[in-house]
Amino acid sequence: MKLFLKAVAVLIKKPFLIIYVSVIVLIAAVVNRLSPVFPLLKGFIETGDADFFQNIITFLQYLVKPDVWPYAILIIAGISAAASILAGVLLPGWMSVMNLSASGMNSGIKDYFAGLRENFLKTVIAALKYTFISFILALFVAIALVPLMIILRAPIFSRLEVLAVSVFIVALTLVILYMAAMFFRINTIFWLPALANGSGMPFMSGKRTADRHFWKLSLAMFIFDLAIIAVETGLSYFPDSIYVFSANWIFLSIAASVYYAYIFVAFKYYRESDAL
């Protein structure tokens, strides 16, 4: 709670950090609203002969074919490169201001451009690694979900013992996948503040701190997840309108700002406490 309150205090003292994130979230939300990709996918799923689970299984079976790998690698490489360059443009200046603010120091526009100039290339390289690893993790999770989908499609309610085993397998699979995602998240969570602090090996520097405080960070991330899921679920019950869109934008902007402010504050606090 102490670190959370300190993160909120950092944002109150430096509103620029929230405004900057809110602009990015708004642009992403508008692009998502106007993009035809998700409506096309939704329409394909709804109009297809097979159900949702079968479509996912068919897609995964197609994805693991050797003939598809070169195209998949090219697509992943292209998306990773574009996302990394975008991260290199958007993140370094903001990270510099956030890092100084989390340290209790004054910061301004000159620090934004100084961070952009000094850490652009480092951020691009870090984002490239992170994005590529994220694709691999997403593929692993998707493949691991296939048995779960098969179980959910099976008539498991006919026999009580089969139902009990199925529920156990489903729960175990979800817990393992969530913990795997959490492990990846915690081990990369301090990459950004370590990079902003000028660490020679930002990933390893951040990972060492994260490893020492894994369970504390896991609990904090779990609470963040629950809060976001609860609010997003609540908003989903309202009919789509400009008011719901605005409320969702405001909430995500604040949640993302608090989340990353907490990361920078926690990195400073844990690294200093470990040095004592």
Protein backbone atom coordinates (compact mmCIF):
# COMPACT_ATOMS: atom_id res chain seq x y z
CA MET A 1 0.00 0.00 0.00
CA LYS A 2 2.87 2.37 0.78
CA LEU A 3 4.34 1.98 -2.71
CA PHE A 4 0.91 2.33 -4.30
CA LEU A 5 0.27 5.60 -2.46
CA LYS A 6 3.70 6.87 -3.44
CA ALA A 7 2.98 6.01 -7.08
CA VAL A 8 -0.28 7.97 -6.91
CA ALA A 9 1.59 10.90 -5.32
CA VAL A 10 4.11 10.89 -8.18
CA LEU A 11 1.29 11.16 -10.72
CA ILE A 12 -0.44 13.94 -8.79
CA LYS A 13 2.78 15.97 -8.69
CA LYS A 14 3.46 15.34 -12.40
CA PRO A 15 0.11 15.29 -14.32
CA PHE A 16 2.06 15.21 -17.59
CA LEU A 17 2.68 11.50 -16.99
CA ILE A 18 -1.07 10.74 -16.99
CA ILE A 19 -1.83 13.08 -19.89
CA TYR A 20 0.89 11.47 -22.01
CA VAL A 21 -0.45 7.97 -21.35
CA SER A 22 -4.05 9.10 -21.90
CA VAL A 23 -3.20 10.40 -25.38
CA ILE A 24 -1.62 7.07 -26.33
CA VAL A 25 -4.57 5.12 -24.90
CA LEU A 26 -7.03 7.35 -26.78
CA ILE A 27 -5.22 6.88 -30.09
CA ALA A 28 -5.08 3.10 -29.53
CA ALA A 29 -8.80 3.02 -28.63
CA VAL A 30 -9.79 5.01 -31.72
CA VAL A 31 -7.64 2.85 -33.99
CA ASN A 32 -9.15 -0.26 -32.41
CA ARG A 33 -12.65 1.14 -32.93
CA LEU A 34 -12.05 2.05 -36.59
CA SER A 35 -9.95 -0.98 -37.51
CA PRO A 36 -11.86 -3.59 -39.57
CA VAL A 37 -9.71 -6.49 -38.29
CA PHE A 38 -11.62 -7.35 -35.11
CA PRO A 39 -15.12 -6.98 -36.63
CA LEU A 40 -14.03 -9.22 -39.52
CA LEU A 41 -12.68 -11.85 -37.13
CA LYS A 42 -15.85 -11.68 -35.05
CA GLY A 43 -18.02 -12.03 -38.14
CA PHE A 44 -15.94 -14.96 -39.37
CA ILE A 45 -16.35 -16.76 -36.07
CA GLU A 46 -20.09 -16.08 -35.87
CA THR A 47 -20.85 -17.09 -39.45
CA GLY A 48 -18.52 -20.10 -39.64
CA ASP A 49 -19.86 -23.62 -39.68
CA ALA A 50 -17.80 -24.60 -36.63
CA ASP A 51 -17.97 -23.07 -33.19
CA PHE A 52 -15.41 -20.77 -31.61
CA PHE A 53 -13.29 -23.52 -30.07
CA GLN A 54 -13.14 -25.47 -33.30
CA ASN A 55 -12.03 -22.36 -35.19
CA ILE A 56 -9.19 -21.81 -32.72
CA ILE A 57 -8.09 -25.43 -32.91
CA THR A 58 -8.16 -25.34 -36.72
CA PHE A 59 -6.12 -22.13 -36.74
CA LEU A 60 -3.49 -23.63 -34.43
CA GLN A 61 -3.28 -26.78 -36.52
CA TYR A 62 -2.70 -24.60 -39.57
CA LEU A 63 -0.13 -22.48 -37.73
CA VAL A 64 2.13 -25.39 -36.76
CA LYS A 65 2.49 -26.63 -40.34
CA PRO A 66 6.14 -26.29 -41.52
CA ASP A 67 5.04 -24.61 -44.75
CA VAL A 68 3.49 -21.78 -42.74
CA TRP A 69 6.52 -21.10 -40.52
CA PRO A 70 8.44 -18.81 -42.96
CA TYR A 71 5.38 -16.58 -43.40
CA ALA A 72 4.64 -16.60 -39.68
CA ILE A 73 8.25 -15.66 -38.88
CA LEU A 74 8.15 -12.81 -41.40
CA ILE A 75 4.87 -11.50 -39.97
CA ILE A 76 6.16 -11.74 -36.39
CA ALA A 77 9.43 -10.04 -37.36
CA GLY A 78 7.58 -7.24 -39.15
CA ILE A 79 5.18 -6.62 -36.27
CA SER A 80 8.03 -6.79 -33.74
CA ALA A 81 10.13 -4.29 -35.71
CA ALA A 82 7.24 -1.83 -36.12
CA ALA A 83 6.21 -2.10 -32.45
CA SER A 84 9.83 -1.69 -31.31
CA ILE A 85 10.40 1.46 -33.34
CA LEU A 86 7.13 2.87 -32.04
CA ALA A 87 8.22 2.05 -28.48
CA GLY A 88 11.55 3.74 -29.15
CA VAL A 89 9.74 6.92 -30.13
CA LEU A 90 7.11 6.95 -27.38
CA LEU A 91 8.77 5.48 -24.28
CA PRO A 92 12.30 6.88 -23.62
CA GLY A 93 11.29 10.50 -22.94
CA TRP A 94 8.33 9.48 -20.80
CA MET A 95 10.50 6.97 -18.90
CA SER A 96 13.07 9.68 -18.16
CA VAL A 97 10.43 11.98 -16.66
CA MET A 98 8.83 9.10 -14.74
CA ASN A 99 12.19 7.93 -13.41
CA LEU A 100 13.15 11.38 -12.13
CA SER A 101 9.68 11.93 -10.63
CA ALA A 102 9.78 8.54 -8.88
CA SER A 103 13.15 9.55 -7.40
CA GLY A 104 11.65 12.75 -5.98
CA MET A 105 13.59 14.95 -8.41
CA ASN A 106 12.35 17.79 -10.57
CA SER A 107 11.81 17.01 -14.25
CA GLY A 108 10.74 18.92 -17.32
CA ILE A 109 10.57 18.93 -21.09
CA LYS A 110 14.36 18.98 -21.41
CA ASP A 111 14.52 15.69 -19.50
CA TYR A 112 11.96 14.22 -21.88
CA PHE A 113 14.07 15.00 -24.94
CA ALA A 114 17.28 14.01 -23.14
CA GLY A 115 15.80 10.60 -22.40
CA LEU A 116 14.57 10.25 -25.97
CA ARG A 117 18.01 11.08 -27.33
CA GLU A 118 19.94 8.84 -24.94
CA ASN A 119 17.71 5.77 -24.79
CA PHE A 120 16.00 5.59 -28.19
CA LEU A 121 18.19 2.80 -29.56
CA LYS A 122 18.33 0.92 -26.24
CA THR A 123 14.55 1.02 -26.00
CA VAL A 124 14.13 -0.24 -29.57
CA ILE A 125 16.45 -3.18 -28.88
CA ALA A 126 14.74 -3.98 -25.56
CA ALA A 127 11.27 -3.74 -27.13
CA LEU A 128 12.37 -5.94 -30.03
CA LYS A 129 13.49 -8.67 -27.62
CA TYR A 130 10.39 -8.29 -25.47
CA THR A 131 7.98 -8.41 -28.41
CA PHE A 132 9.61 -11.47 -29.94
CA ILE A 133 9.62 -13.33 -26.61
CA SER A 134 5.97 -12.32 -26.09
CA PHE A 135 5.03 -13.91 -29.44
CA ILE A 136 6.74 -17.14 -28.40
CA LEU A 137 4.93 -17.11 -25.05
CA ALA A 138 1.59 -16.39 -26.77
CA LEU A 139 2.15 -19.35 -29.12
CA PHE A 140 2.98 -21.60 -26.15
CA VAL A 141 -0.16 -20.48 -24.32
CA ALA A 142 -2.32 -21.00 -27.42
CA ILE A 143 -1.02 -24.54 -27.92
CA ALA A 144 -1.41 -25.30 -24.22
CA LEU A 145 -5.07 -24.20 -24.43
CA VAL A 146 -5.96 -26.82 -27.05
CA PRO A 147 -6.56 -29.65 -24.51
CA LEU A 148 -8.57 -27.20 -22.42
CA MET A 149 -10.77 -26.33 -25.39
CA ILE A 150 -11.31 -30.00 -26.21
CA ILE A 151 -12.41 -30.64 -22.61
CA LEU A 152 -14.79 -27.66 -22.65
CA ARG A 153 -16.40 -28.95 -25.84
CA ALA A 154 -16.81 -32.49 -24.53
CA PRO A 155 -20.04 -33.70 -22.85
CA ILE A 156 -18.54 -33.72 -19.34
CA PHE A 157 -21.76 -33.47 -17.37
CA SER A 158 -22.93 -37.04 -17.98
CA ARG A 159 -20.79 -38.60 -15.24
CA LEU A 160 -19.81 -37.01 -11.94
CA GLU A 161 -16.29 -38.50 -11.80
CA VAL A 162 -15.55 -37.29 -15.34
CA LEU A 163 -16.85 -33.84 -14.44
CA ALA A 164 -14.60 -33.67 -11.35
CA VAL A 165 -11.49 -34.64 -13.32
CA SER A 166 -12.36 -32.21 -16.12
CA VAL A 167 -12.88 -29.33 -13.71
CA PHE A 168 -9.56 -30.13 -12.01
CA ILE A 169 -7.71 -30.20 -15.35
CA VAL A 170 -9.30 -26.93 -16.46
CA ALA A 171 -8.47 -25.19 -13.17
CA LEU A 172 -4.91 -26.56 -13.13
CA THR A 173 -4.31 -25.48 -16.74
CA LEU A 174 -5.56 -21.96 -16.07
CA VAL A 175 -3.47 -21.61 -12.90
CA ILE A 176 -0.31 -22.87 -14.65
CA LEU A 177 -0.83 -20.55 -17.62
CA TYR A 178 -1.52 -17.57 -15.36
CA MET A 179 1.60 -18.27 -13.28
CA ALA A 180 3.68 -18.69 -16.44
CA ALA A 181 2.44 -15.31 -17.67
CA MET A 182 3.08 -13.82 -14.22
CA PHE A 183 6.62 -15.24 -14.16
CA PHE A 184 7.32 -13.67 -17.55
CA ARG A 185 5.77 -10.40 -16.44
CA ILE A 186 7.69 -10.18 -13.16
CA ASN A 187 10.99 -11.09 -14.81
CA THR A 188 10.58 -8.31 -17.37
CA ILE A 189 8.75 -5.78 -15.20
CA PHE A 190 11.82 -3.78 -14.14
CA TRP A 191 13.37 -3.70 -17.61
CA LEU A 192 12.08 -0.17 -18.26
CA PRO A 193 13.11 1.52 -14.98
CA ALA A 194 16.50 -0.21 -15.11
CA LEU A 195 16.99 1.09 -18.65
CA ALA A 196 15.90 4.60 -17.62
CA ASN A 197 18.41 4.48 -14.74
CA GLY A 198 21.24 3.85 -17.18
CA SER A 199 22.02 0.28 -16.10
CA GLY A 200 24.58 -1.38 -18.35
CA MET A 201 22.52 -4.58 -18.57
CA PRO A 202 18.97 -3.36 -17.88
CA PHE A 203 17.25 -6.72 -18.24
CA MET A 204 19.57 -8.56 -15.85
CA SER A 205 19.66 -5.60 -13.45
CA GLY A 206 15.87 -5.47 -13.32
CA LYS A 207 15.51 -9.25 -13.17
CA ARG A 208 17.79 -9.53 -10.13
CA THR A 209 15.61 -7.08 -8.21
CA ALA A 210 12.40 -8.73 -9.41
CA ASP A 211 13.61 -12.21 -8.41
CA ARG A 212 14.25 -11.08 -4.83
CA HIS A 213 10.72 -9.71 -4.47
CA PHE A 214 8.80 -12.04 -6.78
CA TRP A 215 5.89 -12.85 -4.47
CA LYS A 216 5.32 -9.27 -3.34
CA LEU A 217 5.22 -8.13 -6.95
CA SER A 218 2.99 -11.07 -7.93
CA LEU A 219 0.45 -10.09 -5.27
CA ALA A 220 0.49 -6.46 -6.42
CA MET A 221 0.06 -7.49 -10.07
CA PHE A 222 -2.75 -9.87 -9.12
CA ILE A 223 -4.61 -7.04 -7.37
CA PHE A 224 -4.12 -4.81 -10.40
CA ASP A 225 -5.48 -7.57 -12.63
CA LEU A 226 -8.55 -8.09 -10.46
CA ALA A 227 -9.33 -4.38 -10.39
CA ILE A 228 -9.02 -4.02 -14.17
CA ILE A 229 -11.09 -7.15 -14.86
CA ALA A 230 -13.79 -6.03 -12.42
CA VAL A 231 -14.14 -2.56 -13.95
CA GLU A 232 -13.95 -3.78 -17.56
CA THR A 233 -16.55 -6.46 -16.82
CA GLY A 234 -18.81 -3.87 -15.24
CA LEU A 235 -18.50 -1.54 -18.25
CA SER A 236 -19.28 -4.40 -20.64
CA TYR A 237 -22.83 -4.59 -19.24
CA PHE A 238 -23.64 -1.10 -20.51
CA PRO A 239 -24.70 -0.54 -24.12
CA ASP A 240 -21.97 0.80 -26.37
CA SER A 241 -21.97 4.60 -26.39
CA ILE A 242 -19.66 7.59 -26.30
CA TYR A 243 -20.13 7.68 -22.51
CA VAL A 244 -18.95 4.10 -22.07
CA PHE A 245 -16.08 4.73 -24.49
CA SER A 246 -15.04 7.83 -22.51
CA ALA A 247 -15.33 6.06 -19.16
CA ASN A 248 -13.24 3.16 -20.45
CA TRP A 249 -10.62 5.54 -21.84
CA ILE A 250 -10.36 7.48 -18.57
CA PHE A 251 -10.15 4.32 -16.50
CA LEU A 252 -7.51 2.65 -18.67
CA SER A 253 -5.45 5.86 -18.76
CA ILE A 254 -5.44 6.13 -14.98
CA ALA A 255 -4.91 2.40 -14.45
CA ALA A 256 -1.96 2.26 -16.87
CA SER A 257 -0.41 5.37 -15.34
CA VAL A 258 -0.70 4.02 -11.80
CA TYR A 259 0.59 0.61 -12.92
CA TYR A 260 3.78 1.98 -14.48
CA ALA A 261 4.31 4.56 -11.75
CA TYR A 262 4.14 1.67 -9.28
CA ILE A 263 6.78 -0.21 -11.28
CA PHE A 264 9.21 2.71 -11.22
CA VAL A 265 8.58 3.45 -7.54
CA ALA A 266 8.90 -0.23 -6.58
CA PHE A 267 12.15 -0.58 -8.53
CA LYS A 268 13.66 2.38 -6.72
CA TYR A 269 12.46 1.20 -3.32
CA TYR A 270 13.49 -2.46 -3.67
CA ARG A 271 16.85 -1.67 -5.21
CA GLU A 272 17.69 0.75 -2.41
CA SER A 273 16.47 -1.66 0.27
CA ASP A 274 18.59 -4.48 -1.24
CA ALA A 275 21.65 -2.24 -1.15
CA LEU A 276 21.37 -1.69 2.61
